[in-house]
Amino acid sequence: MFEELLQLVQQHSQEAVVDNTAIPNEHNQDVMNEAVSSITNGLQSYGQGNADGIMQLFQSQSGVSADHPAVQGISNNFVESITSKFGISGTQAQSIAAAIIPMVMAKFIHKTNDPNDQSFNFQNIIGAFTGGGGGGLSSLLGKFGL
């Protein structure tokens, strides 16, 4: 799941990250990794004790908006992370988050609901973000040193 999420971030962050002069080239991959980490940690936090909320989020047929509490929390954590770790201005970080997080979340949720896409398994994803099954998110992040 982590690899697929990273691929989504890489596919949708060319302009916001790679082509962005506010981010030195040597930090491009690190910023993308932070986006993935913010998404996974944010969903796990949102899902803890809120299994119904996380299931509704992932079963949404209309997509997810930037105004959704989970997306707002993920975006805020991502902004805080990249401003403190890479010295990106708050305004730039907010712009980067707005360009990446809602789009990746929408694609992630769409892939989860697509019966023809086996790269994401709904049961394992829900289990990972609510603390049950799927080996847990911590073990997934541990594989990548996060």
N, C-alpha and C. Protein backbone atom coordinates (compact mmCIF):
# COMPACT_ATOMS: atom_id res chain seq x y z
N MET A 1 0.82 -1.19 0.00
CA MET A 1 0.00 0.00 0.00
C MET A 1 0.87 1.25 0.00
N PHE A 2 1.94 1.24 0.79
CA PHE A 2 2.79 2.42 0.88
C PHE A 2 3.41 2.74 -0.48
N GLU A 3 3.88 1.71 -1.19
CA GLU A 3 4.49 1.93 -2.49
C GLU A 3 3.49 2.57 -3.47
N GLU A 4 2.26 2.08 -3.45
CA GLU A 4 1.24 2.60 -4.34
C GLU A 4 0.90 4.05 -4.01
N LEU A 5 0.84 4.35 -2.72
CA LEU A 5 0.56 5.72 -2.30
C LEU A 5 1.70 6.65 -2.71
N LEU A 6 2.93 6.18 -2.57
CA LEU A 6 4.08 6.98 -3.01
C LEU A 6 4.02 7.22 -4.51
N GLN A 7 3.62 6.22 -5.28
CA GLN A 7 3.48 6.40 -6.72
C GLN A 7 2.43 7.46 -7.04
N LEU A 8 1.33 7.45 -6.31
CA LEU A 8 0.30 8.47 -6.52
C LEU A 8 0.86 9.87 -6.24
N VAL A 9 1.60 9.99 -5.16
CA VAL A 9 2.19 11.29 -4.82
C VAL A 9 3.16 11.72 -5.92
N GLN A 10 4.00 10.80 -6.36
CA GLN A 10 4.97 11.14 -7.41
C GLN A 10 4.27 11.54 -8.71
N GLN A 11 3.19 10.86 -9.05
CA GLN A 11 2.45 11.16 -10.28
C GLN A 11 1.80 12.53 -10.23
N HIS A 12 1.42 12.99 -9.05
CA HIS A 12 0.64 14.22 -8.94
C HIS A 12 1.38 15.37 -8.26
N SER A 13 2.71 15.28 -8.23
CA SER A 13 3.45 16.36 -7.56
C SER A 13 4.53 16.99 -8.44
N GLN A 14 4.51 16.70 -9.72
CA GLN A 14 5.52 17.26 -10.62
C GLN A 14 5.59 18.79 -10.52
N GLU A 15 4.46 19.43 -10.75
CA GLU A 15 4.46 20.89 -10.76
C GLU A 15 4.65 21.46 -9.35
N ALA A 16 3.97 20.89 -8.38
CA ALA A 16 4.00 21.44 -7.01
C ALA A 16 5.34 21.22 -6.31
N VAL A 17 6.05 20.16 -6.68
CA VAL A 17 7.30 19.84 -5.99
C VAL A 17 8.50 19.95 -6.92
N VAL A 18 8.55 19.11 -7.94
CA VAL A 18 9.74 19.01 -8.79
C VAL A 18 10.00 20.31 -9.55
N ASP A 19 8.96 20.91 -10.09
CA ASP A 19 9.12 22.16 -10.86
C ASP A 19 9.09 23.41 -9.98
N ASN A 20 9.02 23.25 -8.69
CA ASN A 20 8.89 24.36 -7.75
C ASN A 20 10.28 24.83 -7.33
N THR A 21 10.62 26.07 -7.66
CA THR A 21 11.95 26.60 -7.32
C THR A 21 12.12 26.83 -5.82
N ALA A 22 11.03 26.82 -5.06
CA ALA A 22 11.12 27.00 -3.61
C ALA A 22 11.66 25.74 -2.93
N ILE A 23 11.66 24.62 -3.66
CA ILE A 23 12.16 23.36 -3.11
C ILE A 23 13.44 22.99 -3.84
N PRO A 24 14.57 22.99 -3.12
CA PRO A 24 15.81 22.56 -3.77
C PRO A 24 15.65 21.13 -4.31
N ASN A 25 16.22 20.87 -5.47
CA ASN A 25 16.08 19.56 -6.12
C ASN A 25 16.46 18.40 -5.21
N GLU A 26 17.45 18.60 -4.36
CA GLU A 26 17.88 17.50 -3.48
C GLU A 26 16.82 17.14 -2.44
N HIS A 27 15.80 17.98 -2.27
CA HIS A 27 14.73 17.70 -1.31
C HIS A 27 13.43 17.23 -1.95
N ASN A 28 13.39 17.15 -3.27
CA ASN A 28 12.15 16.76 -3.94
C ASN A 28 11.60 15.44 -3.42
N GLN A 29 12.41 14.41 -3.40
CA GLN A 29 11.94 13.09 -2.96
C GLN A 29 11.56 13.12 -1.48
N ASP A 30 12.32 13.85 -0.68
CA ASP A 30 12.01 13.95 0.75
C ASP A 30 10.66 14.63 0.98
N VAL A 31 10.36 15.66 0.20
CA VAL A 31 9.07 16.34 0.33
C VAL A 31 7.94 15.39 -0.07
N MET A 32 8.15 14.62 -1.12
CA MET A 32 7.13 13.64 -1.52
C MET A 32 6.96 12.56 -0.45
N ASN A 33 8.05 12.13 0.14
CA ASN A 33 7.96 11.16 1.24
C ASN A 33 7.19 11.73 2.42
N GLU A 34 7.39 13.02 2.68
CA GLU A 34 6.65 13.68 3.76
C GLU A 34 5.16 13.71 3.46
N ALA A 35 4.81 13.89 2.19
CA ALA A 35 3.39 13.87 1.82
C ALA A 35 2.79 12.50 2.12
N VAL A 36 3.50 11.45 1.75
CA VAL A 36 3.01 10.09 2.01
C VAL A 36 2.91 9.85 3.51
N SER A 37 3.93 10.24 4.24
CA SER A 37 3.92 10.06 5.69
C SER A 37 2.78 10.84 6.34
N SER A 38 2.54 12.06 5.87
CA SER A 38 1.44 12.87 6.41
C SER A 38 0.09 12.22 6.12
N ILE A 39 -0.06 11.67 4.92
CA ILE A 39 -1.32 11.01 4.56
C ILE A 39 -1.53 9.77 5.42
N THR A 40 -0.53 8.92 5.52
CA THR A 40 -0.71 7.68 6.28
C THR A 40 -0.90 7.96 7.77
N ASN A 41 -0.08 8.85 8.32
CA ASN A 41 -0.23 9.18 9.74
C ASN A 41 -1.55 9.89 10.01
N GLY A 42 -1.94 10.78 9.11
CA GLY A 42 -3.19 11.51 9.28
C GLY A 42 -4.40 10.59 9.20
N LEU A 43 -4.38 9.65 8.27
CA LEU A 43 -5.50 8.71 8.17
C LEU A 43 -5.54 7.78 9.37
N GLN A 44 -4.38 7.39 9.85
CA GLN A 44 -4.36 6.53 11.04
C GLN A 44 -4.91 7.29 12.24
N SER A 45 -4.51 8.54 12.41
CA SER A 45 -5.03 9.35 13.52
C SER A 45 -6.53 9.55 13.38
N TYR A 46 -6.99 9.84 12.17
CA TYR A 46 -8.41 10.05 11.93
C TYR A 46 -9.19 8.76 12.17
N GLY A 47 -8.61 7.63 11.82
CA GLY A 47 -9.30 6.35 11.94
C GLY A 47 -9.33 5.76 13.33
N GLN A 48 -8.39 6.16 14.19
CA GLN A 48 -8.37 5.63 15.55
C GLN A 48 -9.62 6.06 16.29
N GLY A 49 -10.42 5.09 16.66
CA GLY A 49 -11.66 5.37 17.38
C GLY A 49 -12.75 5.96 16.50
N ASN A 50 -12.51 5.99 15.20
CA ASN A 50 -13.47 6.57 14.27
C ASN A 50 -13.60 5.67 13.04
N ALA A 51 -13.83 4.39 13.28
CA ALA A 51 -13.92 3.44 12.18
C ALA A 51 -15.01 3.82 11.20
N ASP A 52 -16.15 4.31 11.71
CA ASP A 52 -17.24 4.71 10.82
C ASP A 52 -16.81 5.87 9.92
N GLY A 53 -16.11 6.82 10.50
CA GLY A 53 -15.66 7.98 9.73
C GLY A 53 -14.68 7.61 8.63
N ILE A 54 -13.73 6.74 8.96
CA ILE A 54 -12.75 6.35 7.95
C ILE A 54 -13.40 5.50 6.87
N MET A 55 -14.36 4.65 7.26
CA MET A 55 -15.06 3.84 6.26
C MET A 55 -15.90 4.74 5.35
N GLN A 56 -16.58 5.73 5.91
CA GLN A 56 -17.36 6.66 5.09
C GLN A 56 -16.45 7.42 4.13
N LEU A 57 -15.29 7.83 4.62
CA LEU A 57 -14.34 8.55 3.77
C LEU A 57 -13.94 7.68 2.58
N PHE A 58 -13.60 6.42 2.85
CA PHE A 58 -13.12 5.54 1.78
C PHE A 58 -14.24 4.99 0.90
N GLN A 59 -15.47 5.07 1.35
CA GLN A 59 -16.58 4.59 0.53
C GLN A 59 -17.29 5.73 -0.19
N SER A 60 -16.76 6.92 -0.05
CA SER A 60 -17.37 8.10 -0.68
C SER A 60 -17.36 7.96 -2.20
N GLN A 61 -18.52 8.05 -2.79
CA GLN A 61 -18.63 7.97 -4.25
C GLN A 61 -18.44 9.34 -4.90
N SER A 62 -18.60 10.39 -4.13
CA SER A 62 -18.48 11.73 -4.69
C SER A 62 -17.07 12.30 -4.53
N GLY A 63 -16.17 11.51 -4.00
CA GLY A 63 -14.81 11.98 -3.80
C GLY A 63 -14.65 12.65 -2.45
N VAL A 64 -13.52 13.23 -2.25
CA VAL A 64 -13.22 13.89 -0.99
C VAL A 64 -12.78 15.32 -1.29
N SER A 65 -13.27 16.24 -0.51
CA SER A 65 -12.92 17.65 -0.75
C SER A 65 -11.80 18.08 0.19
N ALA A 66 -11.20 19.20 -0.16
CA ALA A 66 -10.14 19.78 0.67
C ALA A 66 -10.69 20.22 2.02
N ASP A 67 -12.02 20.36 2.13
CA ASP A 67 -12.65 20.79 3.37
C ASP A 67 -12.91 19.66 4.35
N HIS A 68 -12.73 18.41 3.91
CA HIS A 68 -12.97 17.27 4.80
C HIS A 68 -12.00 17.34 5.98
N PRO A 69 -12.46 17.07 7.19
CA PRO A 69 -11.57 17.17 8.37
C PRO A 69 -10.29 16.33 8.25
N ALA A 70 -10.38 15.15 7.67
CA ALA A 70 -9.18 14.32 7.52
C ALA A 70 -8.19 14.97 6.57
N VAL A 71 -8.68 15.52 5.47
CA VAL A 71 -7.81 16.17 4.48
C VAL A 71 -7.20 17.44 5.07
N GLN A 72 -7.99 18.19 5.81
CA GLN A 72 -7.46 19.40 6.46
C GLN A 72 -6.35 19.05 7.45
N GLY A 73 -6.58 18.02 8.25
CA GLY A 73 -5.57 17.60 9.22
C GLY A 73 -4.30 17.14 8.56
N ILE A 74 -4.44 16.36 7.50
CA ILE A 74 -3.28 15.86 6.75
C ILE A 74 -2.52 17.04 6.14
N SER A 75 -3.25 17.95 5.52
CA SER A 75 -2.61 19.12 4.91
C SER A 75 -1.87 19.95 5.93
N ASN A 76 -2.49 20.19 7.08
CA ASN A 76 -1.84 20.99 8.13
C ASN A 76 -0.57 20.31 8.63
N ASN A 77 -0.61 19.00 8.83
CA ASN A 77 0.59 18.28 9.28
C ASN A 77 1.69 18.32 8.23
N PHE A 78 1.29 18.18 6.97
CA PHE A 78 2.27 18.25 5.87
C PHE A 78 2.93 19.62 5.82
N VAL A 79 2.13 20.67 5.94
CA VAL A 79 2.67 22.04 5.93
C VAL A 79 3.66 22.23 7.08
N GLU A 80 3.28 21.83 8.27
CA GLU A 80 4.17 21.96 9.43
C GLU A 80 5.47 21.19 9.21
N SER A 81 5.34 20.00 8.67
CA SER A 81 6.51 19.15 8.47
C SER A 81 7.49 19.76 7.47
N ILE A 82 6.99 20.18 6.32
CA ILE A 82 7.94 20.67 5.30
C ILE A 82 8.47 22.06 5.61
N THR A 83 7.74 22.84 6.38
CA THR A 83 8.30 24.15 6.78
C THR A 83 9.42 23.95 7.79
N SER A 84 9.23 23.02 8.72
CA SER A 84 10.26 22.83 9.74
C SER A 84 11.46 22.04 9.22
N LYS A 85 11.23 21.06 8.37
CA LYS A 85 12.33 20.21 7.91
C LYS A 85 13.11 20.79 6.73
N PHE A 86 12.44 21.55 5.88
CA PHE A 86 13.09 22.00 4.65
C PHE A 86 13.15 23.52 4.50
N GLY A 87 12.63 24.24 5.48
CA GLY A 87 12.70 25.69 5.46
C GLY A 87 11.84 26.34 4.39
N ILE A 88 10.83 25.63 3.94
CA ILE A 88 9.91 26.17 2.94
C ILE A 88 8.98 27.15 3.65
N SER A 89 8.72 28.28 3.03
CA SER A 89 7.85 29.28 3.67
C SER A 89 6.46 28.70 3.88
N GLY A 90 5.75 29.23 4.85
CA GLY A 90 4.41 28.77 5.15
C GLY A 90 3.46 28.92 3.97
N THR A 91 3.59 30.03 3.27
CA THR A 91 2.73 30.28 2.11
C THR A 91 3.01 29.26 1.01
N GLN A 92 4.28 29.03 0.73
CA GLN A 92 4.66 28.03 -0.28
C GLN A 92 4.20 26.64 0.14
N ALA A 93 4.40 26.31 1.41
CA ALA A 93 4.03 24.99 1.92
C ALA A 93 2.52 24.78 1.80
N GLN A 94 1.74 25.80 2.10
CA GLN A 94 0.28 25.69 1.98
C GLN A 94 -0.12 25.48 0.52
N SER A 95 0.55 26.16 -0.38
CA SER A 95 0.27 26.01 -1.80
C SER A 95 0.61 24.59 -2.27
N ILE A 96 1.74 24.08 -1.82
CA ILE A 96 2.15 22.71 -2.17
C ILE A 96 1.15 21.70 -1.63
N ALA A 97 0.76 21.87 -0.37
CA ALA A 97 -0.21 20.96 0.24
C ALA A 97 -1.54 21.00 -0.51
N ALA A 98 -2.00 22.18 -0.87
CA ALA A 98 -3.27 22.32 -1.57
C ALA A 98 -3.23 21.65 -2.94
N ALA A 99 -2.06 21.63 -3.56
CA ALA A 99 -1.92 21.03 -4.88
C ALA A 99 -1.80 19.51 -4.82
N ILE A 100 -1.27 18.99 -3.72
CA ILE A 100 -0.99 17.55 -3.65
C ILE A 100 -2.02 16.77 -2.84
N ILE A 101 -2.25 17.17 -1.61
CA ILE A 101 -3.00 16.34 -0.66
C ILE A 101 -4.42 16.02 -1.13
N PRO A 102 -5.25 17.00 -1.47
CA PRO A 102 -6.62 16.65 -1.89
C PRO A 102 -6.65 15.76 -3.14
N MET A 103 -5.76 16.04 -4.10
CA MET A 103 -5.72 15.26 -5.34
C MET A 103 -5.31 13.81 -5.06
N VAL A 104 -4.27 13.64 -4.28
CA VAL A 104 -3.80 12.28 -3.97
C VAL A 104 -4.85 11.54 -3.14
N MET A 105 -5.47 12.22 -2.19
CA MET A 105 -6.53 11.58 -1.40
C MET A 105 -7.67 11.12 -2.29
N ALA A 106 -8.09 11.96 -3.23
CA ALA A 106 -9.18 11.59 -4.13
C ALA A 106 -8.79 10.39 -4.98
N LYS A 107 -7.57 10.38 -5.51
CA LYS A 107 -7.11 9.25 -6.33
C LYS A 107 -6.98 7.98 -5.49
N PHE A 108 -6.48 8.12 -4.27
CA PHE A 108 -6.32 7.00 -3.36
C PHE A 108 -7.67 6.36 -3.05
N ILE A 109 -8.64 7.20 -2.73
CA ILE A 109 -9.98 6.70 -2.42
C ILE A 109 -10.62 6.08 -3.66
N HIS A 110 -10.43 6.70 -4.82
CA HIS A 110 -10.98 6.15 -6.06
C HIS A 110 -10.39 4.77 -6.33
N LYS A 111 -9.07 4.62 -6.19
CA LYS A 111 -8.43 3.32 -6.42
C LYS A 111 -8.95 2.28 -5.43
N THR A 112 -9.20 2.68 -4.21
CA THR A 112 -9.71 1.76 -3.20
C THR A 112 -11.08 1.23 -3.58
N ASN A 113 -11.87 2.06 -4.23
CA ASN A 113 -13.23 1.68 -4.62
C ASN A 113 -13.33 1.04 -5.99
N ASP A 114 -12.23 0.98 -6.72
CA ASP A 114 -12.23 0.43 -8.07
C ASP A 114 -12.04 -1.09 -8.02
N PRO A 115 -13.09 -1.86 -8.36
CA PRO A 115 -12.97 -3.32 -8.30
C PRO A 115 -11.97 -3.87 -9.33
N ASN A 116 -11.61 -3.08 -10.32
CA ASN A 116 -10.65 -3.53 -11.33
C ASN A 116 -9.21 -3.21 -10.95
N ASP A 117 -9.01 -2.50 -9.85
CA ASP A 117 -7.67 -2.13 -9.40
C ASP A 117 -7.34 -2.92 -8.15
N GLN A 118 -6.48 -3.90 -8.29
CA GLN A 118 -6.14 -4.77 -7.16
C GLN A 118 -4.96 -4.25 -6.34
N SER A 119 -4.42 -3.07 -6.69
CA SER A 119 -3.27 -2.55 -5.95
C SER A 119 -3.63 -2.11 -4.54
N PHE A 120 -4.92 -1.83 -4.31
CA PHE A 120 -5.38 -1.44 -2.99
C PHE A 120 -6.48 -2.39 -2.55
N ASN A 121 -6.37 -2.91 -1.37
CA ASN A 121 -7.38 -3.81 -0.81
C ASN A 121 -8.11 -3.05 0.28
N PHE A 122 -9.40 -2.82 0.08
CA PHE A 122 -10.19 -2.01 1.01
C PHE A 122 -10.09 -2.53 2.44
N GLN A 123 -10.21 -3.84 2.64
CA GLN A 123 -10.16 -4.42 3.99
C GLN A 123 -8.83 -4.11 4.68
N ASN A 124 -7.72 -4.30 3.97
CA ASN A 124 -6.41 -4.04 4.57
C ASN A 124 -6.20 -2.56 4.86
N ILE A 125 -6.69 -1.72 3.96
CA ILE A 125 -6.53 -0.28 4.18
C ILE A 125 -7.32 0.17 5.40
N ILE A 126 -8.55 -0.24 5.49
CA ILE A 126 -9.36 0.13 6.65
C ILE A 126 -8.73 -0.43 7.93
N GLY A 127 -8.27 -1.66 7.87
CA GLY A 127 -7.61 -2.25 9.03
C GLY A 127 -6.37 -1.48 9.44
N ALA A 128 -5.58 -1.07 8.46
CA ALA A 128 -4.36 -0.32 8.76
C ALA A 128 -4.66 1.02 9.41
N PHE A 129 -5.73 1.68 8.96
CA PHE A 129 -6.02 3.01 9.47
C PHE A 129 -6.91 3.02 10.70
N THR A 130 -7.43 1.86 11.09
CA THR A 130 -8.23 1.81 12.32
C THR A 130 -7.54 1.00 13.39
N GLY A 131 -6.35 0.50 13.09
CA GLY A 131 -5.57 -0.22 14.09
C GLY A 131 -5.72 -1.72 14.05
N GLY A 132 -6.48 -2.26 13.12
CA GLY A 132 -6.65 -3.70 13.03
C GLY A 132 -6.16 -4.23 11.72
N GLY A 133 -5.85 -5.47 11.65
CA GLY A 133 -5.53 -6.19 10.41
C GLY A 133 -4.48 -5.55 9.53
N GLY A 134 -4.15 -6.22 8.46
CA GLY A 134 -3.24 -5.71 7.45
C GLY A 134 -1.83 -5.49 7.93
N GLY A 135 -1.45 -6.03 9.08
CA GLY A 135 -0.10 -5.87 9.58
C GLY A 135 0.12 -4.54 10.28
N GLY A 136 -0.84 -3.65 10.20
CA GLY A 136 -0.74 -2.36 10.87
C GLY A 136 0.11 -1.37 10.09
N LEU A 137 -0.21 -0.13 10.25
CA LEU A 137 0.49 0.93 9.54
C LEU A 137 1.93 1.05 10.01
N SER A 138 2.18 0.83 11.29
CA SER A 138 3.53 0.97 11.80
C SER A 138 4.49 0.02 11.10
N SER A 139 4.04 -1.21 10.85
CA SER A 139 4.92 -2.15 10.16
C SER A 139 5.17 -1.71 8.72
N LEU A 140 4.16 -1.12 8.07
CA LEU A 140 4.34 -0.63 6.70
C LEU A 140 5.35 0.51 6.69
N LEU A 141 5.18 1.47 7.58
CA LEU A 141 6.09 2.61 7.62
C LEU A 141 7.50 2.19 8.03
N GLY A 142 7.59 1.20 8.90
CA GLY A 142 8.90 0.70 9.33
C GLY A 142 9.71 0.14 8.18
N LYS A 143 9.04 -0.44 7.21
CA LYS A 143 9.72 -0.99 6.05
C LYS A 143 10.45 0.10 5.27
N PHE A 144 10.00 1.32 5.40
CA PHE A 144 10.56 2.42 4.64
C PHE A 144 11.34 3.38 5.52
N GLY A 145 11.61 2.99 6.75
CA GLY A 145 12.39 3.83 7.64
C GLY A 145 11.68 5.09 8.08
N LEU A 146 10.36 5.09 8.07
CA LEU A 146 9.62 6.29 8.47
C LEU A 146 9.02 6.12 9.85
